[in-house]
């Protein structure tokens, strides 16, 4: 029997066993109440108290079942189990937290946020709840609320590394690179061997046009994690900006070796080949980008530009036409196709594309 299939069957067996246990506990609850009514005739509260005690046990059983479902990545089952646990016992903040995690895995961010908020109501000083809710807010695009939650996480527990890491990511999305750099720097202090923090900080430096700092940080990330494809790609991009095309190509090539599906590495290596005048190699890389991402308009216009620079007007026109089909509002494709039409002596078509491109760039 294959290992994967064996694991699946074991998981199913665990689930079945748990469900049987839950059903027995349900039966035990009813039995206990009936027995207690006969035995404890003088105390009307006894059966009620026994039922409550068994409900607590049952709530734990459902919570445990939810944990197993979550571990097996069966999130619907986890949500159902946690919900039943909450029905039986409404004040266990851990169950709300775990159900929120399950909702987030399903992409149901509003439900996840509601559960994390309930955790915070039950335990206002629980830093992890703010961390997870901040992550859900970030996933939903509400960056300001995400940052506020990460701020509170750090206030409650300044040693939680991921609070700085996630907040830095929010600042990066807001293009507030100085704040992002400050947070990534804090991560490097708390976790000095965490390679991604150096890579991400390096990318922030790149956006600030501080390319040597970018190269330095990405080099440190690579030292800590030699198989870090993204760090090679980011460092290669910085090398392009300082006109060191050969080193850039070397970095992109290593990035591709580590991750043959890394689109950005092919795209940027193609750009480096263009800079070196090696257009056939550039076009080959842009073709690989299209193979990996065939529905992105930019990729076709990029290769079309390569064909144009290589003097292949027909292929340039074909690529730009496909780019426009995928995104009729992509101005760059019209401009490149206009130039190619002009080279072929098709002045009317060239003028029409030029006018269209200009109209798109002037739109608000």
Protein backbone atom coordinates (compact mmCIF):
# COMPACT_ATOMS: atom_id res chain seq x y z
CA UNK A 1 0.00 0.00 0.00
CA UNK A 2 1.31 3.44 -0.90
CA UNK A 3 2.24 5.73 1.99
CA UNK A 4 -0.16 8.49 0.89
CA UNK A 5 -3.10 6.09 0.66
CA UNK A 6 -2.17 4.55 4.00
CA UNK A 7 -2.16 7.97 5.66
CA UNK A 8 -5.54 8.76 4.13
CA UNK A 9 -7.05 5.52 5.41
CA UNK A 10 -5.56 6.08 8.86
CA UNK A 11 -7.04 9.55 8.89
CA UNK A 12 -10.43 8.22 7.88
CA UNK A 13 -10.20 5.57 10.60
CA UNK A 14 -9.43 8.24 13.20
CA UNK A 15 -12.41 10.28 12.07
CA UNK A 16 -14.76 7.30 12.17
CA UNK A 17 -13.52 6.39 15.65
CA UNK A 18 -14.07 9.94 16.84
CA UNK A 19 -17.57 10.10 15.42
CA UNK A 20 -18.43 6.79 17.10
CA UNK A 21 -17.09 8.16 20.37
CA UNK A 22 -19.21 11.28 19.97
CA UNK A 23 -22.33 9.21 19.34
CA UNK A 24 -21.63 7.12 22.42
CA UNK A 25 -21.22 10.28 24.44
CA UNK A 26 -24.58 11.50 23.17
CA UNK A 27 -26.18 8.25 24.27
CA UNK A 28 -24.38 8.43 27.62
CA UNK A 29 -25.80 11.90 28.21
CA UNK A 30 -29.37 10.69 27.75
CA UNK A 31 -28.71 7.57 29.82
CA UNK A 32 -27.08 9.52 32.62
CA UNK A 33 -30.02 11.89 32.85
CA UNK A 34 -32.51 9.00 32.91
CA UNK A 35 -30.57 7.07 35.54
CA UNK A 36 -30.02 10.11 37.71
CA UNK A 37 -33.75 10.85 37.63
CA UNK A 38 -34.46 7.39 39.06
CA UNK A 39 -31.63 7.27 41.58
CA UNK A 40 -31.70 10.85 42.82
CA UNK A 41 -35.43 11.36 43.23
CA UNK A 42 -34.86 13.75 46.11
CA UNK A 43 -32.73 16.14 44.09
CA UNK A 44 -34.23 17.74 41.00
CA UNK A 45 -30.90 19.39 40.17
CA UNK A 46 -28.82 16.20 39.97
CA UNK A 47 -29.77 15.07 36.43
CA UNK A 48 -29.37 18.61 35.16
CA UNK A 49 -25.90 18.90 36.70
CA UNK A 50 -24.87 15.53 35.32
CA UNK A 51 -26.08 16.54 31.87
CA UNK A 52 -24.05 19.72 32.09
CA UNK A 53 -20.95 17.74 33.04
CA UNK A 54 -21.48 15.38 30.12
CA UNK A 55 -22.13 18.29 27.78
CA UNK A 56 -18.72 19.62 28.73
CA UNK A 57 -17.17 16.25 27.90
CA UNK A 58 -19.10 16.15 24.65
CA UNK A 59 -17.94 19.68 23.81
CA UNK A 60 -14.34 18.55 24.30
CA UNK A 61 -14.94 15.53 22.07
CA UNK A 62 -16.26 17.73 19.25
CA UNK A 63 -13.36 20.12 19.75
CA UNK A 64 -10.90 17.23 19.51
CA UNK A 65 -12.65 15.93 16.40
CA UNK A 66 -12.32 19.42 14.91
CA UNK A 67 -8.61 19.40 15.66
CA UNK A 68 -8.22 16.08 13.81
CA UNK A 69 -10.23 17.33 10.85
CA UNK A 70 -8.08 20.47 10.74
CA UNK A 71 -4.90 18.39 10.87
CA UNK A 72 -6.21 16.36 7.93
CA UNK A 73 -7.12 19.61 6.10
CA UNK A 74 -10.80 18.70 6.01
CA UNK A 75 -11.90 22.17 7.01
CA UNK A 76 -15.64 21.71 6.49
CA UNK A 77 -15.56 18.86 8.99
CA UNK A 78 -13.49 20.95 11.37
CA UNK A 79 -15.95 23.85 11.18
CA UNK A 80 -18.93 21.56 11.81
CA UNK A 81 -17.23 19.94 14.81
CA UNK A 82 -16.12 23.23 16.34
CA UNK A 83 -19.61 24.68 15.82
CA UNK A 84 -21.17 21.78 17.70
CA UNK A 85 -18.60 22.19 20.48
CA UNK A 86 -19.50 25.88 20.75
CA UNK A 87 -23.22 25.02 20.88
CA UNK A 88 -22.53 22.87 23.94
CA UNK A 89 -20.06 25.25 25.58
CA UNK A 90 -19.99 28.88 24.49
CA UNK A 91 -17.07 30.22 26.55
CA UNK A 92 -14.11 28.21 25.22
CA UNK A 93 -12.05 30.77 23.35
CA UNK A 94 -9.72 28.11 21.92
CA UNK A 95 -12.59 26.58 19.96
CA UNK A 96 -13.55 29.94 18.44
CA UNK A 97 -9.90 30.50 17.57
CA UNK A 98 -9.62 27.13 15.83
CA UNK A 99 -12.89 27.57 13.98
CA UNK A 100 -11.64 30.95 12.83
CA UNK A 101 -8.47 29.31 11.53
CA UNK A 102 -10.62 26.79 9.63
CA UNK A 103 -12.78 29.54 8.13
CA UNK A 104 -9.64 31.37 7.01
CA UNK A 105 -8.35 28.24 5.29
CA UNK A 106 -11.65 28.12 3.39
CA UNK A 107 -11.31 31.78 2.40
CA UNK A 108 -14.35 32.77 4.49
CA UNK A 109 -12.61 35.77 5.96
CA UNK A 110 -15.68 37.50 7.39
CA UNK A 111 -16.48 34.39 9.44
CA UNK A 112 -12.86 34.07 10.54
CA UNK A 113 -12.74 37.70 11.65
CA UNK A 114 -16.00 37.26 13.60
CA UNK A 115 -14.56 34.25 15.44
CA UNK A 116 -11.28 36.01 16.23
CA UNK A 117 -13.29 38.98 17.50
CA UNK A 118 -15.21 36.63 19.79
CA UNK A 119 -11.92 35.29 21.13
CA UNK A 120 -10.82 38.85 21.90
CA UNK A 121 -14.11 39.50 23.73
CA UNK A 122 -13.57 36.38 25.86
CA UNK A 123 -9.85 37.00 26.40
CA UNK A 124 -8.91 40.63 25.64
CA UNK A 125 -5.21 40.13 26.43
CA UNK A 126 -4.70 37.20 24.04
CA UNK A 127 -2.08 38.47 21.59
CA UNK A 128 -2.43 35.53 19.19
CA UNK A 129 -6.08 36.41 18.52
CA UNK A 130 -5.08 39.92 17.41
CA UNK A 131 -2.30 38.42 15.28
CA UNK A 132 -4.67 36.05 13.49
CA UNK A 133 -7.40 38.65 13.05
CA UNK A 134 -4.80 41.03 11.64
CA UNK A 135 -3.81 38.36 9.15
CA UNK A 136 -7.44 37.88 8.10
CA UNK A 137 -7.91 41.63 7.73
CA UNK A 138 -4.77 41.71 5.59
CA UNK A 139 -6.07 38.90 3.39
CA UNK A 140 -9.32 40.80 2.94
CA UNK A 141 -7.47 43.95 1.87
CA UNK A 142 -8.28 46.00 4.97
CA UNK A 143 -4.68 47.02 5.59
CA UNK A 144 -5.37 49.72 8.18
CA UNK A 145 -7.28 47.32 10.43
CA UNK A 146 -4.60 44.70 9.92
CA UNK A 147 -1.89 47.13 11.04
CA UNK A 148 -3.97 48.14 14.07
CA UNK A 149 -4.27 44.50 15.13
CA UNK A 150 -0.55 43.87 14.65
CA UNK A 151 0.15 47.00 16.71
CA UNK A 152 -1.97 45.55 19.52
CA UNK A 153 -0.28 42.17 19.19
CA UNK A 154 3.10 43.81 19.68
CA UNK A 155 1.83 45.87 22.60
CA UNK A 156 0.63 42.70 24.34
CA UNK A 157 3.68 40.63 23.43
CA UNK A 158 6.66 42.40 21.84
CA UNK A 159 8.42 39.07 21.24
CA UNK A 160 6.00 37.72 18.61
CA UNK A 161 8.15 37.76 15.49
CA UNK A 162 5.29 37.26 13.04
CA UNK A 163 3.55 40.42 14.23
CA UNK A 164 6.49 42.49 12.95
CA UNK A 165 6.78 40.36 9.82
CA UNK A 166 3.11 40.69 8.88
CA UNK A 167 2.99 44.38 9.77
CA UNK A 168 6.03 44.92 7.56
CA UNK A 169 4.14 43.23 4.74
CA UNK A 170 1.25 45.64 5.24
CA UNK A 171 3.57 48.63 5.17
CA UNK A 172 5.12 47.22 1.99
CA UNK A 173 1.68 46.98 0.38
CA UNK A 174 1.09 50.60 1.40
CA UNK A 175 4.46 51.49 -0.20
CA UNK A 176 5.65 52.78 3.17
CA UNK A 177 9.07 51.22 2.72
CA UNK A 178 10.76 52.95 5.65
CA UNK A 179 8.27 51.47 8.13
CA UNK A 180 8.53 48.10 6.44
CA UNK A 181 12.33 48.22 6.73
CA UNK A 182 12.05 49.08 10.43
CA UNK A 183 9.81 46.08 11.07
CA UNK A 184 11.95 43.69 9.02
CA UNK A 185 14.97 44.94 10.95
CA UNK A 186 13.16 44.07 14.19
CA UNK A 187 12.56 40.57 12.82
CA UNK A 188 16.29 40.16 12.11
CA UNK A 189 17.00 41.11 15.73
CA UNK A 190 14.46 38.67 17.19
CA UNK A 191 15.21 35.91 14.67
CA UNK A 192 18.65 36.59 13.17
CA UNK A 193 18.68 33.36 11.14
CA UNK A 194 15.31 33.99 9.46
CA UNK A 195 16.38 34.42 5.82
CA UNK A 196 13.10 35.83 4.38
CA UNK A 197 13.34 38.95 6.57
CA UNK A 198 16.62 39.94 4.90
CA UNK A 199 15.26 39.22 1.43
CA UNK A 200 12.08 41.24 2.01
CA UNK A 201 14.02 44.11 3.54
CA UNK A 202 16.32 44.02 0.55
CA UNK A 203 13.33 44.34 -1.77
CA UNK A 204 12.21 47.42 0.19
CA UNK A 205 15.66 48.92 -0.33
CA UNK A 206 15.29 48.17 -4.03
CA UNK A 207 12.08 50.19 -4.15
CA UNK A 208 13.96 53.02 -2.44
CA UNK A 209 16.60 52.84 -5.22
CA UNK A 210 19.18 51.72 -2.67
CA UNK A 211 20.40 48.83 -4.78
CA UNK A 212 23.65 48.06 -2.96
CA UNK A 213 21.72 47.66 0.30
CA UNK A 214 19.31 45.38 -1.56
CA UNK A 215 22.21 43.27 -2.84
CA UNK A 216 23.73 43.07 0.63
CA UNK A 217 20.49 41.91 2.27
CA UNK A 218 19.71 39.36 -0.43
CA UNK A 219 23.25 38.02 -0.17
CA UNK A 220 22.72 37.49 3.55
CA UNK A 221 19.42 35.74 2.85
CA UNK A 222 21.20 33.42 0.42
CA UNK A 223 23.95 32.71 2.96
CA UNK A 224 21.32 31.67 5.48
CA UNK A 225 19.20 29.79 2.95
CA UNK A 226 21.21 28.76 -0.13
CA UNK A 227 18.13 27.35 -1.91
CA UNK A 228 16.15 30.61 -1.60
CA UNK A 229 15.06 31.22 -5.21
CA UNK A 230 13.35 34.52 -4.47
CA UNK A 231 16.49 35.98 -2.91
CA UNK A 232 18.50 35.19 -6.06
CA UNK A 233 15.79 36.75 -8.22
CA UNK A 234 15.59 39.91 -6.10
CA UNK A 235 19.36 40.27 -6.03
CA UNK A 236 19.47 39.76 -9.79
CA UNK A 237 16.98 42.60 -10.24
CA UNK A 238 19.25 44.89 -8.21
CA UNK A 239 22.26 43.86 -10.30
CA UNK A 240 20.35 44.88 -13.44
CA UNK A 241 19.81 48.32 -11.94
CA UNK A 242 23.55 48.76 -11.28
CA UNK A 243 24.28 47.62 -14.87
CA UNK A 244 25.92 44.33 -13.86
CA UNK A 245 24.01 42.23 -16.39
CA UNK A 246 26.21 39.15 -16.33
CA UNK A 247 25.88 38.74 -12.57
CA UNK A 248 22.17 39.42 -12.85
CA UNK A 249 21.78 36.66 -15.45
CA UNK A 250 23.77 34.30 -13.23
CA UNK A 251 21.42 35.01 -10.30
CA UNK A 252 18.28 34.56 -12.40
CA UNK A 253 19.65 31.31 -13.80
CA UNK A 254 20.23 29.99 -10.28
CA UNK A 255 16.76 31.11 -9.25
CA UNK A 256 15.30 29.17 -12.18
CA UNK A 257 17.39 26.10 -11.33
CA UNK A 258 15.95 26.17 -7.82
CA UNK A 259 12.41 26.87 -9.04
CA UNK A 260 11.81 26.08 -12.73
CA UNK A 261 8.33 27.63 -12.52
CA UNK A 262 9.48 31.01 -11.22
CA UNK A 263 7.93 33.38 -13.75
CA UNK A 264 9.65 36.56 -12.54
CA UNK A 265 13.09 35.00 -12.90
CA UNK A 266 12.50 34.19 -16.59
CA UNK A 267 11.00 37.64 -17.17
CA UNK A 268 13.88 39.53 -15.56
CA UNK A 269 16.53 37.32 -17.12
CA UNK A 270 14.92 38.09 -20.46
CA UNK A 271 15.21 41.80 -19.66
CA UNK A 272 18.91 41.32 -18.83
CA UNK A 273 19.46 39.54 -22.14
CA UNK A 274 17.76 42.48 -23.91
CA UNK A 275 20.18 44.84 -22.19
CA UNK A 276 23.06 42.74 -23.51
CA UNK A 277 21.57 42.65 -27.00
CA UNK A 278 21.01 38.88 -26.87
CA UNK A 279 17.48 39.08 -28.22
CA UNK A 280 17.03 35.43 -29.18
CA UNK A 281 17.76 34.38 -25.60
CA UNK A 282 15.46 37.12 -24.32
CA UNK A 283 12.61 35.96 -26.58
CA UNK A 284 13.15 32.36 -25.42
CA UNK A 285 12.74 33.49 -21.79
CA UNK A 286 9.67 35.57 -22.60
CA UNK A 287 8.19 32.54 -24.39
CA UNK A 288 8.68 30.49 -21.23
CA UNK A 289 6.92 33.20 -19.26
CA UNK A 290 3.94 32.90 -21.62
CA UNK A 291 3.95 29.12 -21.30
CA UNK A 292 3.77 29.45 -17.53
CA UNK A 293 1.30 32.36 -17.51
CA UNK A 294 -0.59 32.24 -20.83
CA UNK A 295 -3.47 34.50 -19.82
CA UNK A 296 -1.54 37.59 -18.78
CA UNK A 297 -1.60 40.41 -21.32
CA UNK A 298 1.67 41.95 -20.17
CA UNK A 299 3.62 38.80 -21.02
CA UNK A 300 2.62 38.90 -24.69
CA UNK A 301 3.38 42.61 -25.07
CA UNK A 302 6.75 42.02 -23.43
CA UNK A 303 7.67 39.32 -25.93
CA UNK A 304 6.18 41.45 -28.69
CA UNK A 305 8.59 44.22 -27.74
CA UNK A 306 11.42 41.69 -27.96
CA UNK A 307 10.31 40.65 -31.44
CA UNK A 308 10.09 44.33 -32.43
CA UNK A 309 13.66 44.99 -31.28
CA UNK A 310 14.73 41.88 -33.21
CA UNK A 311 13.13 43.24 -36.38
CA UNK A 312 10.35 40.63 -36.58
CA UNK A 313 7.42 43.00 -37.13
CA UNK A 314 4.80 40.33 -37.87
CA UNK A 315 5.45 38.39 -34.68
CA UNK A 316 5.49 41.64 -32.73
CA UNK A 317 2.07 42.52 -34.14
CA UNK A 318 0.72 39.02 -33.39
CA UNK A 319 1.86 39.15 -29.77
CA UNK A 320 0.51 42.64 -29.20
CA UNK A 321 -2.79 41.64 -30.80
CA UNK A 322 -3.07 38.74 -28.35
CA UNK A 323 -2.16 41.07 -25.50
CA UNK A 324 -4.98 43.44 -26.53
CA UNK A 325 -7.40 40.53 -26.81
CA UNK A 326 -6.63 39.57 -23.22
CA UNK A 327 -6.77 43.17 -21.98
CA UNK A 328 -8.28 45.73 -24.40
CA UNK A 329 -7.20 48.56 -22.09
CA UNK A 330 -3.49 47.67 -22.00
CA UNK A 331 -1.97 50.79 -23.55
CA UNK A 332 1.59 49.48 -23.98
CA UNK A 333 0.45 46.81 -26.45
CA UNK A 334 -1.12 49.47 -28.69
CA UNK A 335 2.08 51.55 -28.65
CA UNK A 336 4.31 48.61 -29.60
CA UNK A 337 1.92 47.42 -32.30
CA UNK A 338 1.75 50.98 -33.63
CA UNK A 339 5.54 50.99 -34.05
CA UNK A 340 5.46 47.61 -35.77
CA UNK A 341 2.71 48.76 -38.15
CA UNK A 342 4.78 51.84 -38.94
CA UNK A 343 7.80 49.66 -39.80
CA UNK A 344 5.60 47.67 -42.19
CA UNK A 345 4.38 50.87 -43.85
CA UNK A 346 0.84 50.52 -42.48
CA UNK A 347 0.55 54.16 -41.43
CA UNK A 348 -3.23 54.23 -40.94
CA UNK A 349 -3.16 51.26 -38.55
CA UNK A 350 -0.13 52.72 -36.80
CA UNK A 351 -1.92 56.02 -36.25
CA UNK A 352 -5.07 54.28 -35.04
CA UNK A 353 -3.12 52.27 -32.43
CA UNK A 354 -1.13 55.31 -31.34
CA UNK A 355 -4.33 57.29 -30.80
CA UNK A 356 -5.89 54.41 -28.87
CA UNK A 357 -2.85 54.04 -26.65
CA UNK A 358 -2.76 57.76 -25.90
CA UNK A 359 -6.44 57.76 -25.02
CA UNK A 360 -5.93 54.91 -22.56
CA UNK A 361 -2.96 56.58 -20.85
CA UNK A 362 -4.92 59.81 -20.44
CA UNK A 363 -7.84 58.07 -18.73
CA UNK A 364 -8.10 58.71 -14.98
